[in-house]
Amino acid sequence: MSECLFCKIVAGEIPSATVAESATALAIRDIDPQAPVHVLVIPKVHVTSADHLTAAHGPLLGDLIELAQRVAEHEGVRESGYRLVMNNGPDAQMSVAHLHLHVLGGRPMDWPPG
């Protein structure tokens, strides 16, 4: 996916503020944070969206969650609580067509989000 922004970040072609990394995922700071802690957890392989996941992606999803937990610990929000968000498609405000988790925390989260 040579035109994918997140693939370019993973490849090191575009700089980012790395928070943590695993063998299969990269965690970076969001450039437009919606909370005091706003980190994106991105798989290193291109998966367009949740609609493209299969049972074979189970280990990848487990790694994304584990990396999100590490990010929450590193950012000091694991005990107080944090939100994991995975947007899917344009109506959900998915602005980059590459599967990713948002780790949000550092303040009470409103419901509904907004």
N, C-alpha and C. Protein backbone atom coordinates (compact mmCIF):
# COMPACT_ATOMS: atom_id res chain seq x y z
N MET A 1 0.85 -1.19 0.00
CA MET A 1 0.00 0.00 0.00
C MET A 1 0.89 1.24 0.00
N SER A 2 1.47 1.52 -1.14
CA SER A 2 2.46 2.58 -1.24
C SER A 2 1.90 3.97 -0.96
N GLU A 3 0.60 4.17 -1.05
CA GLU A 3 0.00 5.48 -0.81
C GLU A 3 -0.59 5.62 0.59
N CYS A 4 -0.55 4.56 1.38
CA CYS A 4 -1.16 4.59 2.71
C CYS A 4 -0.27 5.37 3.69
N LEU A 5 -0.85 6.37 4.32
CA LEU A 5 -0.12 7.20 5.28
C LEU A 5 0.49 6.37 6.39
N PHE A 6 -0.29 5.46 6.99
CA PHE A 6 0.23 4.67 8.11
C PHE A 6 1.29 3.69 7.65
N CYS A 7 1.16 3.15 6.44
CA CYS A 7 2.22 2.26 5.91
C CYS A 7 3.52 3.05 5.75
N LYS A 8 3.42 4.30 5.32
CA LYS A 8 4.61 5.14 5.18
C LYS A 8 5.22 5.45 6.54
N ILE A 9 4.40 5.66 7.55
CA ILE A 9 4.91 5.91 8.90
C ILE A 9 5.61 4.66 9.42
N VAL A 10 4.99 3.50 9.25
CA VAL A 10 5.58 2.23 9.70
C VAL A 10 6.91 2.00 9.00
N ALA A 11 7.00 2.35 7.71
CA ALA A 11 8.22 2.15 6.93
C ALA A 11 9.30 3.18 7.26
N GLY A 12 8.96 4.20 8.05
CA GLY A 12 9.93 5.23 8.41
C GLY A 12 10.06 6.32 7.37
N GLU A 13 9.17 6.35 6.39
CA GLU A 13 9.21 7.36 5.34
C GLU A 13 8.64 8.70 5.81
N ILE A 14 7.77 8.65 6.82
CA ILE A 14 7.17 9.85 7.40
C ILE A 14 7.46 9.80 8.89
N PRO A 15 8.02 10.89 9.44
CA PRO A 15 8.33 10.88 10.88
C PRO A 15 7.08 10.87 11.73
N SER A 16 7.20 10.27 12.91
CA SER A 16 6.11 10.24 13.87
C SER A 16 6.71 10.19 15.28
N ALA A 17 5.88 10.49 16.25
CA ALA A 17 6.30 10.43 17.66
C ALA A 17 5.95 9.05 18.19
N THR A 18 6.92 8.15 18.16
CA THR A 18 6.70 6.78 18.60
C THR A 18 6.60 6.71 20.11
N VAL A 19 5.58 6.02 20.61
CA VAL A 19 5.38 5.82 22.04
C VAL A 19 5.84 4.43 22.45
N ALA A 20 5.52 3.43 21.62
CA ALA A 20 5.88 2.03 21.91
C ALA A 20 5.82 1.25 20.61
N GLU A 21 6.38 0.04 20.66
CA GLU A 21 6.42 -0.79 19.46
C GLU A 21 6.45 -2.25 19.88
N SER A 22 5.88 -3.09 19.03
CA SER A 22 5.98 -4.54 19.20
C SER A 22 6.45 -5.10 17.86
N ALA A 23 6.54 -6.40 17.78
CA ALA A 23 6.95 -7.02 16.52
C ALA A 23 5.95 -6.75 15.40
N THR A 24 4.69 -6.58 15.75
CA THR A 24 3.66 -6.45 14.71
C THR A 24 2.91 -5.11 14.71
N ALA A 25 3.21 -4.21 15.63
CA ALA A 25 2.45 -2.97 15.72
C ALA A 25 3.33 -1.81 16.19
N LEU A 26 2.88 -0.61 15.86
CA LEU A 26 3.55 0.63 16.23
C LEU A 26 2.54 1.53 16.92
N ALA A 27 2.94 2.16 18.01
CA ALA A 27 2.09 3.12 18.73
C ALA A 27 2.69 4.51 18.58
N ILE A 28 1.89 5.45 18.06
CA ILE A 28 2.37 6.81 17.82
C ILE A 28 1.37 7.82 18.39
N ARG A 29 1.85 9.00 18.67
CA ARG A 29 0.96 10.06 19.15
C ARG A 29 0.09 10.57 17.99
N ASP A 30 -1.18 10.80 18.29
CA ASP A 30 -2.09 11.36 17.30
C ASP A 30 -1.71 12.83 17.07
N ILE A 31 -1.74 13.28 15.82
CA ILE A 31 -1.36 14.67 15.53
C ILE A 31 -2.48 15.66 15.85
N ASP A 32 -3.69 15.16 16.11
CA ASP A 32 -4.82 16.01 16.49
C ASP A 32 -5.48 15.40 17.72
N PRO A 33 -4.80 15.45 18.88
CA PRO A 33 -5.29 14.73 20.05
C PRO A 33 -6.66 15.22 20.52
N GLN A 34 -7.50 14.24 20.89
CA GLN A 34 -8.84 14.51 21.39
C GLN A 34 -8.94 14.33 22.90
N ALA A 35 -7.81 14.02 23.53
CA ALA A 35 -7.74 13.84 24.98
C ALA A 35 -6.27 14.05 25.37
N PRO A 36 -5.99 14.27 26.66
CA PRO A 36 -4.59 14.43 27.07
C PRO A 36 -3.69 13.27 26.62
N VAL A 37 -4.23 12.06 26.63
CA VAL A 37 -3.54 10.90 26.06
C VAL A 37 -4.32 10.49 24.83
N HIS A 38 -3.66 10.54 23.68
CA HIS A 38 -4.29 10.09 22.43
C HIS A 38 -3.19 9.48 21.58
N VAL A 39 -3.14 8.16 21.60
CA VAL A 39 -2.11 7.40 20.90
C VAL A 39 -2.79 6.44 19.93
N LEU A 40 -2.22 6.31 18.75
CA LEU A 40 -2.73 5.38 17.75
C LEU A 40 -1.89 4.11 17.78
N VAL A 41 -2.53 2.96 17.78
CA VAL A 41 -1.85 1.67 17.71
C VAL A 41 -2.15 1.10 16.33
N ILE A 42 -1.09 0.96 15.53
CA ILE A 42 -1.21 0.65 14.11
C ILE A 42 -0.53 -0.69 13.81
N PRO A 43 -1.23 -1.61 13.15
CA PRO A 43 -0.54 -2.83 12.73
C PRO A 43 0.52 -2.49 11.68
N LYS A 44 1.63 -3.20 11.71
CA LYS A 44 2.70 -2.96 10.74
C LYS A 44 2.35 -3.50 9.36
N VAL A 45 1.44 -4.45 9.28
CA VAL A 45 0.96 -4.92 7.99
C VAL A 45 -0.31 -4.15 7.66
N HIS A 46 -0.54 -3.93 6.38
CA HIS A 46 -1.72 -3.18 5.99
C HIS A 46 -2.97 -4.05 6.07
N VAL A 47 -3.91 -3.60 6.88
CA VAL A 47 -5.27 -4.14 6.92
C VAL A 47 -6.14 -2.90 6.77
N THR A 48 -6.99 -2.87 5.77
CA THR A 48 -7.73 -1.65 5.45
C THR A 48 -8.66 -1.21 6.57
N SER A 49 -9.41 -2.15 7.14
CA SER A 49 -10.36 -1.79 8.20
C SER A 49 -10.81 -3.06 8.91
N ALA A 50 -11.66 -2.88 9.92
CA ALA A 50 -12.21 -4.03 10.65
C ALA A 50 -12.99 -4.95 9.72
N ASP A 51 -13.55 -4.41 8.66
CA ASP A 51 -14.28 -5.23 7.69
C ASP A 51 -13.37 -6.20 6.94
N HIS A 52 -12.08 -5.99 7.00
CA HIS A 52 -11.12 -6.84 6.30
C HIS A 52 -10.45 -7.85 7.23
N LEU A 53 -10.88 -7.89 8.49
CA LEU A 53 -10.31 -8.84 9.45
C LEU A 53 -10.94 -10.21 9.28
N THR A 54 -10.14 -11.24 9.53
CA THR A 54 -10.62 -12.61 9.52
C THR A 54 -10.13 -13.28 10.80
N ALA A 55 -10.54 -14.52 11.00
CA ALA A 55 -10.08 -15.27 12.17
C ALA A 55 -8.56 -15.38 12.19
N ALA A 56 -7.94 -15.37 11.02
CA ALA A 56 -6.48 -15.47 10.94
C ALA A 56 -5.79 -14.25 11.55
N HIS A 57 -6.50 -13.16 11.71
CA HIS A 57 -5.92 -11.95 12.31
C HIS A 57 -5.98 -11.97 13.84
N GLY A 58 -6.47 -13.05 14.43
CA GLY A 58 -6.58 -13.12 15.89
C GLY A 58 -5.29 -12.76 16.61
N PRO A 59 -4.15 -13.34 16.26
CA PRO A 59 -2.91 -12.98 16.94
C PRO A 59 -2.54 -11.50 16.78
N LEU A 60 -2.80 -10.94 15.61
CA LEU A 60 -2.53 -9.52 15.39
C LEU A 60 -3.40 -8.66 16.30
N LEU A 61 -4.68 -8.99 16.40
CA LEU A 61 -5.58 -8.23 17.27
C LEU A 61 -5.15 -8.33 18.73
N GLY A 62 -4.75 -9.53 19.14
CA GLY A 62 -4.24 -9.69 20.51
C GLY A 62 -3.03 -8.81 20.76
N ASP A 63 -2.14 -8.72 19.79
CA ASP A 63 -0.95 -7.88 19.94
C ASP A 63 -1.33 -6.40 19.98
N LEU A 64 -2.31 -5.99 19.18
CA LEU A 64 -2.75 -4.59 19.23
C LEU A 64 -3.27 -4.24 20.62
N ILE A 65 -4.06 -5.12 21.21
CA ILE A 65 -4.60 -4.87 22.55
C ILE A 65 -3.48 -4.84 23.59
N GLU A 66 -2.56 -5.79 23.50
CA GLU A 66 -1.44 -5.81 24.46
C GLU A 66 -0.59 -4.56 24.34
N LEU A 67 -0.35 -4.09 23.12
CA LEU A 67 0.42 -2.86 22.96
C LEU A 67 -0.37 -1.67 23.50
N ALA A 68 -1.68 -1.64 23.29
CA ALA A 68 -2.51 -0.58 23.85
C ALA A 68 -2.44 -0.58 25.38
N GLN A 69 -2.42 -1.75 26.00
CA GLN A 69 -2.27 -1.83 27.45
C GLN A 69 -0.92 -1.27 27.90
N ARG A 70 0.13 -1.60 27.16
CA ARG A 70 1.46 -1.06 27.49
C ARG A 70 1.47 0.46 27.36
N VAL A 71 0.82 0.98 26.32
CA VAL A 71 0.72 2.43 26.14
C VAL A 71 -0.01 3.05 27.32
N ALA A 72 -1.13 2.47 27.71
CA ALA A 72 -1.91 2.99 28.84
C ALA A 72 -1.05 3.01 30.11
N GLU A 73 -0.28 1.97 30.34
CA GLU A 73 0.62 1.93 31.50
C GLU A 73 1.68 3.02 31.38
N HIS A 74 2.31 3.11 30.24
CA HIS A 74 3.37 4.11 30.00
C HIS A 74 2.85 5.54 30.17
N GLU A 75 1.62 5.77 29.73
CA GLU A 75 1.04 7.11 29.78
C GLU A 75 0.37 7.41 31.12
N GLY A 76 0.33 6.43 32.03
CA GLY A 76 -0.20 6.66 33.36
C GLY A 76 -1.72 6.64 33.46
N VAL A 77 -2.39 5.99 32.52
CA VAL A 77 -3.86 5.97 32.56
C VAL A 77 -4.44 4.57 32.73
N ARG A 78 -3.58 3.57 32.90
CA ARG A 78 -4.10 2.21 33.00
C ARG A 78 -4.99 2.04 34.23
N GLU A 79 -4.61 2.60 35.35
CA GLU A 79 -5.40 2.46 36.58
C GLU A 79 -6.65 3.33 36.57
N SER A 80 -6.55 4.56 36.09
CA SER A 80 -7.70 5.47 36.09
C SER A 80 -8.71 5.14 35.00
N GLY A 81 -8.25 4.52 33.94
CA GLY A 81 -9.12 4.13 32.84
C GLY A 81 -8.78 4.82 31.54
N TYR A 82 -9.06 4.12 30.48
CA TYR A 82 -8.80 4.64 29.14
C TYR A 82 -9.81 4.02 28.18
N ARG A 83 -9.96 4.66 27.05
CA ARG A 83 -10.89 4.19 26.04
C ARG A 83 -10.10 3.67 24.85
N LEU A 84 -10.54 2.53 24.30
CA LEU A 84 -10.01 2.02 23.04
C LEU A 84 -11.09 2.21 21.99
N VAL A 85 -10.75 2.86 20.89
CA VAL A 85 -11.71 3.13 19.84
C VAL A 85 -11.14 2.61 18.52
N MET A 86 -11.97 1.89 17.78
CA MET A 86 -11.60 1.45 16.44
C MET A 86 -12.71 1.92 15.50
N ASN A 87 -12.44 2.94 14.72
CA ASN A 87 -13.41 3.45 13.76
C ASN A 87 -13.39 2.58 12.52
N ASN A 88 -14.53 2.49 11.86
CA ASN A 88 -14.65 1.64 10.68
C ASN A 88 -15.48 2.35 9.61
N GLY A 89 -14.81 2.94 8.63
CA GLY A 89 -15.49 3.59 7.52
C GLY A 89 -15.66 5.09 7.71
N PRO A 90 -16.01 5.77 6.63
CA PRO A 90 -16.08 7.24 6.66
C PRO A 90 -17.13 7.80 7.62
N ASP A 91 -18.27 7.16 7.77
CA ASP A 91 -19.29 7.69 8.69
C ASP A 91 -18.84 7.59 10.15
N ALA A 92 -17.87 6.74 10.42
CA ALA A 92 -17.31 6.61 11.77
C ALA A 92 -16.08 7.50 11.95
N GLN A 93 -15.83 8.37 10.98
CA GLN A 93 -14.69 9.29 11.01
C GLN A 93 -13.34 8.58 10.87
N MET A 94 -13.31 7.46 10.15
CA MET A 94 -12.04 6.78 9.86
C MET A 94 -11.35 7.57 8.76
N SER A 95 -10.33 8.34 9.12
CA SER A 95 -9.71 9.24 8.16
C SER A 95 -8.54 8.60 7.40
N VAL A 96 -7.99 7.51 7.93
CA VAL A 96 -6.92 6.78 7.23
C VAL A 96 -7.39 5.34 7.09
N ALA A 97 -7.42 4.85 5.85
CA ALA A 97 -7.90 3.50 5.58
C ALA A 97 -6.81 2.48 5.89
N HIS A 98 -6.52 2.35 7.16
CA HIS A 98 -5.56 1.38 7.69
C HIS A 98 -6.03 1.12 9.12
N LEU A 99 -6.35 -0.12 9.42
CA LEU A 99 -6.84 -0.48 10.74
C LEU A 99 -5.97 0.15 11.83
N HIS A 100 -6.59 0.70 12.86
CA HIS A 100 -5.84 1.24 13.99
C HIS A 100 -6.76 1.43 15.18
N LEU A 101 -6.15 1.39 16.35
CA LEU A 101 -6.84 1.65 17.61
C LEU A 101 -6.45 3.03 18.12
N HIS A 102 -7.40 3.74 18.67
CA HIS A 102 -7.12 4.98 19.39
C HIS A 102 -7.10 4.63 20.87
N VAL A 103 -6.04 5.01 21.57
CA VAL A 103 -5.97 4.89 23.02
C VAL A 103 -6.18 6.30 23.56
N LEU A 104 -7.30 6.51 24.25
CA LEU A 104 -7.66 7.83 24.76
C LEU A 104 -7.78 7.79 26.27
N GLY A 105 -7.23 8.78 26.94
CA GLY A 105 -7.34 8.84 28.39
C GLY A 105 -6.81 10.14 28.94
N GLY A 106 -6.70 10.19 30.25
CA GLY A 106 -6.19 11.38 30.91
C GLY A 106 -7.27 12.34 31.36
N ARG A 107 -8.51 11.99 31.12
CA ARG A 107 -9.65 12.79 31.58
C ARG A 107 -10.87 11.89 31.55
N PRO A 108 -11.93 12.24 32.30
CA PRO A 108 -13.17 11.47 32.19
C PRO A 108 -13.69 11.54 30.76
N MET A 109 -14.13 10.42 30.24
CA MET A 109 -14.63 10.34 28.88
C MET A 109 -16.14 10.56 28.88
N ASP A 110 -16.59 11.47 28.04
CA ASP A 110 -18.02 11.75 27.89
C ASP A 110 -18.70 10.61 27.16
N TRP A 111 -19.99 10.42 27.42
CA TRP A 111 -20.76 9.48 26.64
C TRP A 111 -22.08 10.14 26.27
N PRO A 112 -22.47 10.18 25.06
CA PRO A 112 -21.73 9.59 23.95
C PRO A 112 -20.49 10.41 23.64
N PRO A 113 -19.49 9.75 22.99
CA PRO A 113 -18.25 10.46 22.66
C PRO A 113 -18.56 11.67 21.79
N GLY A 114 -17.77 12.68 21.92
CA GLY A 114 -18.01 13.80 21.03
C GLY A 114 -17.36 14.99 21.52
